[in-house]
């Protein structure tokens, strides 16, 4: 995220797509990661993969259901 936003660090990120690899992380680590994504990068929409873990899916949905897109196999994501 740091490299992707280097050219315009003050602009929010429209969408994060992919896995966060938080499957084995503690609830505290998941929260800390989501806090950084929200506070530092102001991500508007997230479409995260299965390797993000069920806890992460739940917490992202709780933070903003309208900002979560399902990223399953064969899904189409409109930008």
PDB file of N, CA and C in Angstrom:
ATOM      1  N   UNK A   1       0.823  -1.176   0.000  1.00  0.00           N
ATOM      2  CA  UNK A   1       0.000   0.000   0.000  1.00  0.00           C
ATOM      3  C   UNK A   1       0.873   1.249   0.000  1.00  0.00           C
ATOM      4  N   UNK A   2       1.951   1.195   0.741  1.00  0.00           N
ATOM      5  CA  UNK A   2       2.824   2.368   0.804  1.00  0.00           C
ATOM      6  C   UNK A   2       3.374   2.718  -0.580  1.00  0.00           C
ATOM      7  N   UNK A   3       3.844   1.708  -1.294  1.00  0.00           N
ATOM      8  CA  UNK A   3       4.390   1.947  -2.629  1.00  0.00           C
ATOM      9  C   UNK A   3       3.297   2.383  -3.602  1.00  0.00           C
ATOM     10  N   UNK A   4       2.129   1.785  -3.491  1.00  0.00           N
ATOM     11  CA  UNK A   4       1.034   2.104  -4.407  1.00  0.00           C
ATOM     12  C   UNK A   4       0.508   3.516  -4.213  1.00  0.00           C
ATOM     13  N   UNK A   5       0.651   4.060  -3.032  1.00  0.00           N
ATOM     14  CA  UNK A   5       0.118   5.388  -2.752  1.00  0.00           C
ATOM     15  C   UNK A   5       1.202   6.466  -2.686  1.00  0.00           C
ATOM     16  N   UNK A   6       2.432   6.103  -2.976  1.00  0.00           N
ATOM     17  CA  UNK A   6       3.555   7.037  -2.824  1.00  0.00           C
ATOM     18  C   UNK A   6       3.397   8.315  -3.656  1.00  0.00           C
ATOM     19  N   UNK A   7       2.845   8.199  -4.843  1.00  0.00           N
ATOM     20  CA  UNK A   7       2.716   9.369  -5.718  1.00  0.00           C
ATOM     21  C   UNK A   7       1.644  10.343  -5.245  1.00  0.00           C
ATOM     22  N   UNK A   8       0.665   9.850  -4.502  1.00  0.00           N
ATOM     23  CA  UNK A   8      -0.436  10.705  -4.025  1.00  0.00           C
ATOM     24  C   UNK A   8      -0.874  10.236  -2.634  1.00  0.00           C
ATOM     25  N   UNK A   9      -0.014  10.399  -1.636  1.00  0.00           N
ATOM     26  CA  UNK A   9      -0.298   9.840  -0.305  1.00  0.00           C
ATOM     27  C   UNK A   9      -1.516  10.437   0.401  1.00  0.00           C
ATOM     28  N   UNK A  10      -1.972  11.582  -0.027  1.00  0.00           N
ATOM     29  CA  UNK A  10      -3.123  12.209   0.625  1.00  0.00           C
ATOM     30  C   UNK A  10      -4.463  11.812   0.010  1.00  0.00           C
ATOM     31  N   UNK A  11      -4.426  11.101  -1.095  1.00  0.00           N
ATOM     32  CA  UNK A  11      -5.669  10.677  -1.745  1.00  0.00           C
ATOM     33  C   UNK A  11      -6.122   9.342  -1.184  1.00  0.00           C
ATOM     34  N   UNK A  12      -7.425   9.156  -0.972  1.00  0.00           N
ATOM     35  CA  UNK A  12      -7.913   7.862  -0.500  1.00  0.00           C
ATOM     36  C   UNK A  12      -7.758   6.791  -1.581  1.00  0.00           C
ATOM     37  N   UNK A  13      -7.685   5.556  -1.157  1.00  0.00           N
ATOM     38  CA  UNK A  13      -7.593   4.419  -2.071  1.00  0.00           C
ATOM     39  C   UNK A  13      -9.021   3.994  -2.421  1.00  0.00           C
ATOM     40  N   UNK A  14      -9.316   3.904  -3.702  1.00  0.00           N
ATOM     41  CA  UNK A  14     -10.668   3.555  -4.139  1.00  0.00           C
ATOM     42  C   UNK A  14     -11.036   2.124  -3.773  1.00  0.00           C
ATOM     43  N   UNK A  15     -10.132   1.177  -4.037  1.00  0.00           N
ATOM     44  CA  UNK A  15     -10.462  -0.219  -3.763  1.00  0.00           C
ATOM     45  C   UNK A  15      -9.208  -1.038  -3.493  1.00  0.00           C
ATOM     46  N   UNK A  16      -9.291  -1.899  -2.517  1.00  0.00           N
ATOM     47  CA  UNK A  16      -8.253  -2.881  -2.234  1.00  0.00           C
ATOM     48  C   UNK A  16      -8.821  -4.227  -2.647  1.00  0.00           C
ATOM     49  N   UNK A  17      -8.128  -4.936  -3.536  1.00  0.00           N
ATOM     50  CA  UNK A  17      -8.575  -6.235  -4.023  1.00  0.00           C
ATOM     51  C   UNK A  17      -7.487  -7.252  -3.743  1.00  0.00           C
ATOM     52  N   UNK A  18      -7.863  -8.349  -3.114  1.00  0.00           N
ATOM     53  CA  UNK A  18      -6.908  -9.426  -2.884  1.00  0.00           C
ATOM     54  C   UNK A  18      -6.929  -9.911  -1.453  1.00  0.00           C
ATOM     55  N   UNK A  19      -6.051 -10.822  -1.154  1.00  0.00           N
ATOM     56  CA  UNK A  19      -5.995 -11.404   0.174  1.00  0.00           C
ATOM     57  C   UNK A  19      -5.106 -10.626   1.120  1.00  0.00           C
ATOM     58  N   UNK A  20      -5.526 -10.544   2.357  1.00  0.00           N
ATOM     59  CA  UNK A  20      -4.751  -9.839   3.377  1.00  0.00           C
ATOM     60  C   UNK A  20      -3.852 -10.782   4.183  1.00  0.00           C
ATOM     61  N   UNK A  21      -3.999 -12.080   3.985  1.00  0.00           N
ATOM     62  CA  UNK A  21      -3.173 -13.087   4.655  1.00  0.00           C
ATOM     63  C   UNK A  21      -3.172 -12.904   6.182  1.00  0.00           C
ATOM     64  N   UNK A  22      -4.355 -12.744   6.741  1.00  0.00           N
ATOM     65  CA  UNK A  22      -4.508 -12.583   8.186  1.00  0.00           C
ATOM     66  C   UNK A  22      -5.150 -13.809   8.824  1.00  0.00           C
ATOM     67  N   UNK A  23      -5.215 -14.888   8.088  1.00  0.00           N
ATOM     68  CA  UNK A  23      -5.911 -16.103   8.515  1.00  0.00           C
ATOM     69  C   UNK A  23      -5.453 -16.598   9.887  1.00  0.00           C
ATOM     70  N   UNK A  24      -4.171 -16.513  10.169  1.00  0.00           N
ATOM     71  CA  UNK A  24      -3.644 -17.039  11.432  1.00  0.00           C
ATOM     72  C   UNK A  24      -3.313 -15.945  12.435  1.00  0.00           C
ATOM     73  N   UNK A  25      -3.683 -14.715  12.139  1.00  0.00           N
ATOM     74  CA  UNK A  25      -3.372 -13.613  13.044  1.00  0.00           C
ATOM     75  C   UNK A  25      -4.389 -13.526  14.181  1.00  0.00           C
ATOM     76  N   UNK A  26      -3.960 -12.925  15.260  1.00  0.00           N
ATOM     77  CA  UNK A  26      -4.831 -12.745  16.423  1.00  0.00           C
ATOM     78  C   UNK A  26      -5.880 -11.672  16.122  1.00  0.00           C
ATOM     79  N   UNK A  27      -6.969 -11.652  16.890  1.00  0.00           N
ATOM     80  CA  UNK A  27      -7.960 -10.580  16.721  1.00  0.00           C
ATOM     81  C   UNK A  27      -7.336  -9.192  16.841  1.00  0.00           C
ATOM     82  N   UNK A  28      -6.376  -9.037  17.723  1.00  0.00           N
ATOM     83  CA  UNK A  28      -5.704  -7.742  17.889  1.00  0.00           C
ATOM     84  C   UNK A  28      -4.917  -7.359  16.647  1.00  0.00           C
ATOM     85  N   UNK A  29      -4.249  -8.332  16.035  1.00  0.00           N
ATOM     86  CA  UNK A  29      -3.486  -8.062  14.817  1.00  0.00           C
ATOM     87  C   UNK A  29      -4.414  -7.711  13.652  1.00  0.00           C
ATOM     88  N   UNK A  30      -5.545  -8.411  13.560  1.00  0.00           N
ATOM     89  CA  UNK A  30      -6.531  -8.116  12.516  1.00  0.00           C
ATOM     90  C   UNK A  30      -7.031  -6.685  12.677  1.00  0.00           C
ATOM     91  N   UNK A  31      -7.402  -6.321  13.897  1.00  0.00           N
ATOM     92  CA  UNK A  31      -7.897  -4.957  14.161  1.00  0.00           C
ATOM     93  C   UNK A  31      -6.845  -3.909  13.838  1.00  0.00           C
ATOM     94  N   UNK A  32      -5.606  -4.170  14.218  1.00  0.00           N
ATOM     95  CA  UNK A  32      -4.526  -3.215  13.959  1.00  0.00           C
ATOM     96  C   UNK A  32      -4.320  -3.039  12.458  1.00  0.00           C
ATOM     97  N   UNK A  33      -4.363  -4.120  11.710  1.00  0.00           N
ATOM     98  CA  UNK A  33      -4.208  -4.036  10.256  1.00  0.00           C
ATOM     99  C   UNK A  33      -5.350  -3.250   9.627  1.00  0.00           C
ATOM    100  N   UNK A  34      -6.576  -3.544  10.040  1.00  0.00           N
ATOM    101  CA  UNK A  34      -7.729  -2.823   9.494  1.00  0.00           C
ATOM    102  C   UNK A  34      -7.697  -1.355   9.880  1.00  0.00           C
ATOM    103  N   UNK A  35      -7.209  -1.060  11.071  1.00  0.00           N
ATOM    104  CA  UNK A  35      -7.059   0.342  11.487  1.00  0.00           C
ATOM    105  C   UNK A  35      -6.084   1.090  10.576  1.00  0.00           C
ATOM    106  N   UNK A  36      -4.947   0.462  10.284  1.00  0.00           N
ATOM    107  CA  UNK A  36      -3.953   1.102   9.414  1.00  0.00           C
ATOM    108  C   UNK A  36      -4.542   1.322   8.024  1.00  0.00           C
ATOM    109  N   UNK A  37      -5.241   0.319   7.498  1.00  0.00           N
ATOM    110  CA  UNK A  37      -5.836   0.465   6.172  1.00  0.00           C
ATOM    111  C   UNK A  37      -6.871   1.590   6.151  1.00  0.00           C
ATOM    112  N   UNK A  38      -7.653   1.696   7.204  1.00  0.00           N
ATOM    113  CA  UNK A  38      -8.681   2.741   7.275  1.00  0.00           C
ATOM    114  C   UNK A  38      -8.079   4.116   7.531  1.00  0.00           C
ATOM    115  N   UNK A  39      -7.170   4.205   8.478  1.00  0.00           N
ATOM    116  CA  UNK A  39      -6.633   5.495   8.897  1.00  0.00           C
ATOM    117  C   UNK A  39      -5.562   6.045   7.952  1.00  0.00           C
ATOM    118  N   UNK A  40      -4.660   5.194   7.527  1.00  0.00           N
ATOM    119  CA  UNK A  40      -3.541   5.660   6.700  1.00  0.00           C
ATOM    120  C   UNK A  40      -3.882   5.761   5.218  1.00  0.00           C
ATOM    121  N   UNK A  41      -4.724   4.830   4.745  1.00  0.00           N
ATOM    122  CA  UNK A  41      -4.983   4.762   3.307  1.00  0.00           C
ATOM    123  C   UNK A  41      -6.430   5.101   2.937  1.00  0.00           C
ATOM    124  N   UNK A  42      -7.296   5.209   3.914  1.00  0.00           N
ATOM    125  CA  UNK A  42      -8.701   5.580   3.720  1.00  0.00           C
ATOM    126  C   UNK A  42      -9.339   4.800   2.573  1.00  0.00           C
ATOM    127  N   UNK A  43      -9.229   3.491   2.646  1.00  0.00           N
ATOM    128  CA  UNK A  43      -9.755   2.617   1.601  1.00  0.00           C
ATOM    129  C   UNK A  43     -11.274   2.717   1.575  1.00  0.00           C
ATOM    130  N   UNK A  44     -11.816   2.977   0.408  1.00  0.00           N
ATOM    131  CA  UNK A  44     -13.268   3.147   0.256  1.00  0.00           C
ATOM    132  C   UNK A  44     -13.995   1.821   0.141  1.00  0.00           C
ATOM    133  N   UNK A  45     -13.413   0.867  -0.591  1.00  0.00           N
ATOM    134  CA  UNK A  45     -14.045  -0.437  -0.799  1.00  0.00           C
ATOM    135  C   UNK A  45     -12.990  -1.517  -0.697  1.00  0.00           C
ATOM    136  N   UNK A  46     -13.367  -2.644  -0.078  1.00  0.00           N
ATOM    137  CA  UNK A  46     -12.459  -3.780   0.026  1.00  0.00           C
ATOM    138  C   UNK A  46     -13.109  -5.008  -0.579  1.00  0.00           C
ATOM    139  N   UNK A  47     -12.342  -5.745  -1.360  1.00  0.00           N
ATOM    140  CA  UNK A  47     -12.772  -7.014  -1.908  1.00  0.00           C
ATOM    141  C   UNK A  47     -11.656  -7.997  -1.588  1.00  0.00           C
ATOM    142  N   UNK A  48     -11.782  -8.642  -0.442  1.00  0.00           N
ATOM    143  CA  UNK A  48     -10.678  -9.454   0.073  1.00  0.00           C
ATOM    144  C   UNK A  48     -10.909 -10.942  -0.179  1.00  0.00           C
ATOM    145  N   UNK A  49      -9.820 -11.669  -0.316  1.00  0.00           N
ATOM    146  CA  UNK A  49      -9.867 -13.090  -0.612  1.00  0.00           C
ATOM    147  C   UNK A  49      -9.902 -13.970   0.621  1.00  0.00           C
ATOM    148  N   UNK A  50     -10.032 -15.275   0.362  1.00  0.00           N
ATOM    149  CA  UNK A  50     -10.213 -16.254   1.440  1.00  0.00           C
ATOM    150  C   UNK A  50      -9.053 -16.280   2.431  1.00  0.00           C
ATOM    151  N   UNK A  51      -7.852 -15.966   1.994  1.00  0.00           N
ATOM    152  CA  UNK A  51      -6.696 -16.016   2.891  1.00  0.00           C
ATOM    153  C   UNK A  51      -6.710 -14.876   3.918  1.00  0.00           C
ATOM    154  N   UNK A  52      -7.686 -14.008   3.799  1.00  0.00           N
ATOM    155  CA  UNK A  52      -7.842 -12.948   4.801  1.00  0.00           C
ATOM    156  C   UNK A  52      -8.390 -13.522   6.103  1.00  0.00           C
ATOM    157  N   UNK A  53      -9.139 -14.605   6.018  1.00  0.00           N
ATOM    158  CA  UNK A  53      -9.678 -15.268   7.199  1.00  0.00           C
ATOM    159  C   UNK A  53     -11.092 -14.820   7.539  1.00  0.00           C
ATOM    160  N   UNK A  54     -11.831 -15.703   8.184  1.00  0.00           N
ATOM    161  CA  UNK A  54     -13.224 -15.432   8.546  1.00  0.00           C
ATOM    162  C   UNK A  54     -13.359 -14.247   9.499  1.00  0.00           C
ATOM    163  N   UNK A  55     -12.457 -14.145  10.460  1.00  0.00           N
ATOM    164  CA  UNK A  55     -12.507 -13.022  11.395  1.00  0.00           C
ATOM    165  C   UNK A  55     -12.371 -11.702  10.640  1.00  0.00           C
ATOM    166  N   UNK A  56     -11.448 -11.652   9.698  1.00  0.00           N
ATOM    167  CA  UNK A  56     -11.243 -10.434   8.928  1.00  0.00           C
ATOM    168  C   UNK A  56     -12.472 -10.102   8.095  1.00  0.00           C
ATOM    169  N   UNK A  57     -13.074 -11.108   7.446  1.00  0.00           N
ATOM    170  CA  UNK A  57     -14.314 -10.882   6.696  1.00  0.00           C
ATOM    171  C   UNK A  57     -15.374 -10.268   7.609  1.00  0.00           C
ATOM    172  N   UNK A  58     -15.552 -10.858   8.775  1.00  0.00           N
ATOM    173  CA  UNK A  58     -16.564 -10.383   9.704  1.00  0.00           C
ATOM    174  C   UNK A  58     -16.295  -8.944  10.136  1.00  0.00           C
ATOM    175  N   UNK A  59     -15.059  -8.649  10.486  1.00  0.00           N
ATOM    176  CA  UNK A  59     -14.723  -7.302  10.967  1.00  0.00           C
ATOM    177  C   UNK A  59     -14.844  -6.252   9.861  1.00  0.00           C
ATOM    178  N   UNK A  60     -14.467  -6.601   8.632  1.00  0.00           N
ATOM    179  CA  UNK A  60     -14.620  -5.661   7.523  1.00  0.00           C
ATOM    180  C   UNK A  60     -16.098  -5.378   7.296  1.00  0.00           C
ATOM    181  N   UNK A  61     -16.927  -6.423   7.329  1.00  0.00           N
ATOM    182  CA  UNK A  61     -18.366  -6.225   7.153  1.00  0.00           C
ATOM    183  C   UNK A  61     -18.951  -5.385   8.280  1.00  0.00           C
ATOM    184  N   UNK A  62     -18.516  -5.610   9.493  1.00  0.00           N
ATOM    185  CA  UNK A  62     -19.015  -4.839  10.625  1.00  0.00           C
ATOM    186  C   UNK A  62     -18.619  -3.370  10.534  1.00  0.00           C
ATOM    187  N   UNK A  63     -17.470  -3.111   9.960  1.00  0.00           N
ATOM    188  CA  UNK A  63     -16.996  -1.731   9.838  1.00  0.00           C
ATOM    189  C   UNK A  63     -17.753  -0.969   8.754  1.00  0.00           C
ATOM    190  N   UNK A  64     -18.259  -1.661   7.772  1.00  0.00           N
ATOM    191  CA  UNK A  64     -18.989  -0.984   6.700  1.00  0.00           C
ATOM    192  C   UNK A  64     -19.485  -1.955   5.651  1.00  0.00           C
ATOM    193  N   UNK A  65     -20.679  -2.482   5.850  1.00  0.00           N
ATOM    194  CA  UNK A  65     -21.209  -3.498   4.937  1.00  0.00           C
ATOM    195  C   UNK A  65     -21.239  -3.024   3.494  1.00  0.00           C
ATOM    196  N   UNK A  66     -21.540  -1.752   3.267  1.00  0.00           N
ATOM    197  CA  UNK A  66     -21.610  -1.242   1.904  1.00  0.00           C
ATOM    198  C   UNK A  66     -20.231  -1.045   1.291  1.00  0.00           C
ATOM    199  N   UNK A  67     -19.180  -1.228   2.071  1.00  0.00           N
ATOM    200  CA  UNK A  67     -17.817  -1.049   1.572  1.00  0.00           C
ATOM    201  C   UNK A  67     -17.107  -2.383   1.349  1.00  0.00           C
ATOM    202  N   UNK A  68     -17.853  -3.501   1.429  1.00  0.00           N
ATOM    203  CA  UNK A  68     -17.268  -4.830   1.294  1.00  0.00           C
ATOM    204  C   UNK A  68     -17.860  -5.521   0.076  1.00  0.00           C
ATOM    205  N   UNK A  69     -16.997  -5.994  -0.804  1.00  0.00           N
ATOM    206  CA  UNK A  69     -17.421  -6.788  -1.947  1.00  0.00           C
ATOM    207  C   UNK A  69     -16.861  -8.188  -1.784  1.00  0.00           C
ATOM    208  N   UNK A  70     -17.665  -9.190  -2.079  1.00  0.00           N
ATOM    209  CA  UNK A  70     -17.209 -10.570  -1.976  1.00  0.00           C
ATOM    210  C   UNK A  70     -16.218 -10.858  -3.102  1.00  0.00           C
ATOM    211  N   UNK A  71     -15.107 -11.493  -2.776  1.00  0.00           N
ATOM    212  CA  UNK A  71     -14.071 -11.813  -3.764  1.00  0.00           C
ATOM    213  C   UNK A  71     -13.918 -13.318  -3.890  1.00  0.00           C
ATOM    214  N   UNK A  72     -14.963 -13.980  -4.336  1.00  0.00           N
ATOM    215  CA  UNK A  72     -14.907 -15.425  -4.519  1.00  0.00           C
ATOM    216  C   UNK A  72     -14.407 -15.793  -5.904  1.00  0.00           C
ATOM    217  N   UNK A  73     -14.139 -17.057  -6.085  1.00  0.00           N
ATOM    218  CA  UNK A  73     -13.654 -17.581  -7.359  1.00  0.00           C
ATOM    219  C   UNK A  73     -14.674 -17.273  -8.448  1.00  0.00           C
ATOM    220  N   UNK A  74     -14.238 -16.627  -9.501  1.00  0.00           N
ATOM    221  CA  UNK A  74     -15.093 -16.331 -10.635  1.00  0.00           C
ATOM    222  C   UNK A  74     -15.944 -15.077 -10.485  1.00  0.00           C
ATOM    223  N   UNK A  75     -15.788 -14.361  -9.381  1.00  0.00           N
ATOM    224  CA  UNK A  75     -16.560 -13.126  -9.169  1.00  0.00           C
ATOM    225  C   UNK A  75     -16.130 -12.059 -10.162  1.00  0.00           C
ATOM    226  N   UNK A  76     -17.070 -11.217 -10.513  1.00  0.00           N
ATOM    227  CA  UNK A  76     -16.781 -10.049 -11.336  1.00  0.00           C
ATOM    228  C   UNK A  76     -16.875  -8.824 -10.447  1.00  0.00           C
ATOM    229  N   UNK A  77     -15.861  -8.013 -10.471  1.00  0.00           N
ATOM    230  CA  UNK A  77     -15.829  -6.815  -9.631  1.00  0.00           C
ATOM    231  C   UNK A  77     -15.831  -5.599 -10.556  1.00  0.00           C
ATOM    232  N   UNK A  78     -16.846  -4.764 -10.412  1.00  0.00           N
ATOM    233  CA  UNK A  78     -16.953  -3.568 -11.245  1.00  0.00           C
ATOM    234  C   UNK A  78     -16.267  -2.402 -10.549  1.00  0.00           C
ATOM    235  N   UNK A  79     -15.462  -1.672 -11.268  1.00  0.00           N
ATOM    236  CA  UNK A  79     -14.754  -0.513 -10.726  1.00  0.00           C
ATOM    237  C   UNK A  79     -15.493   0.753 -11.090  1.00  0.00           C
TER     238      UNK A  79
END
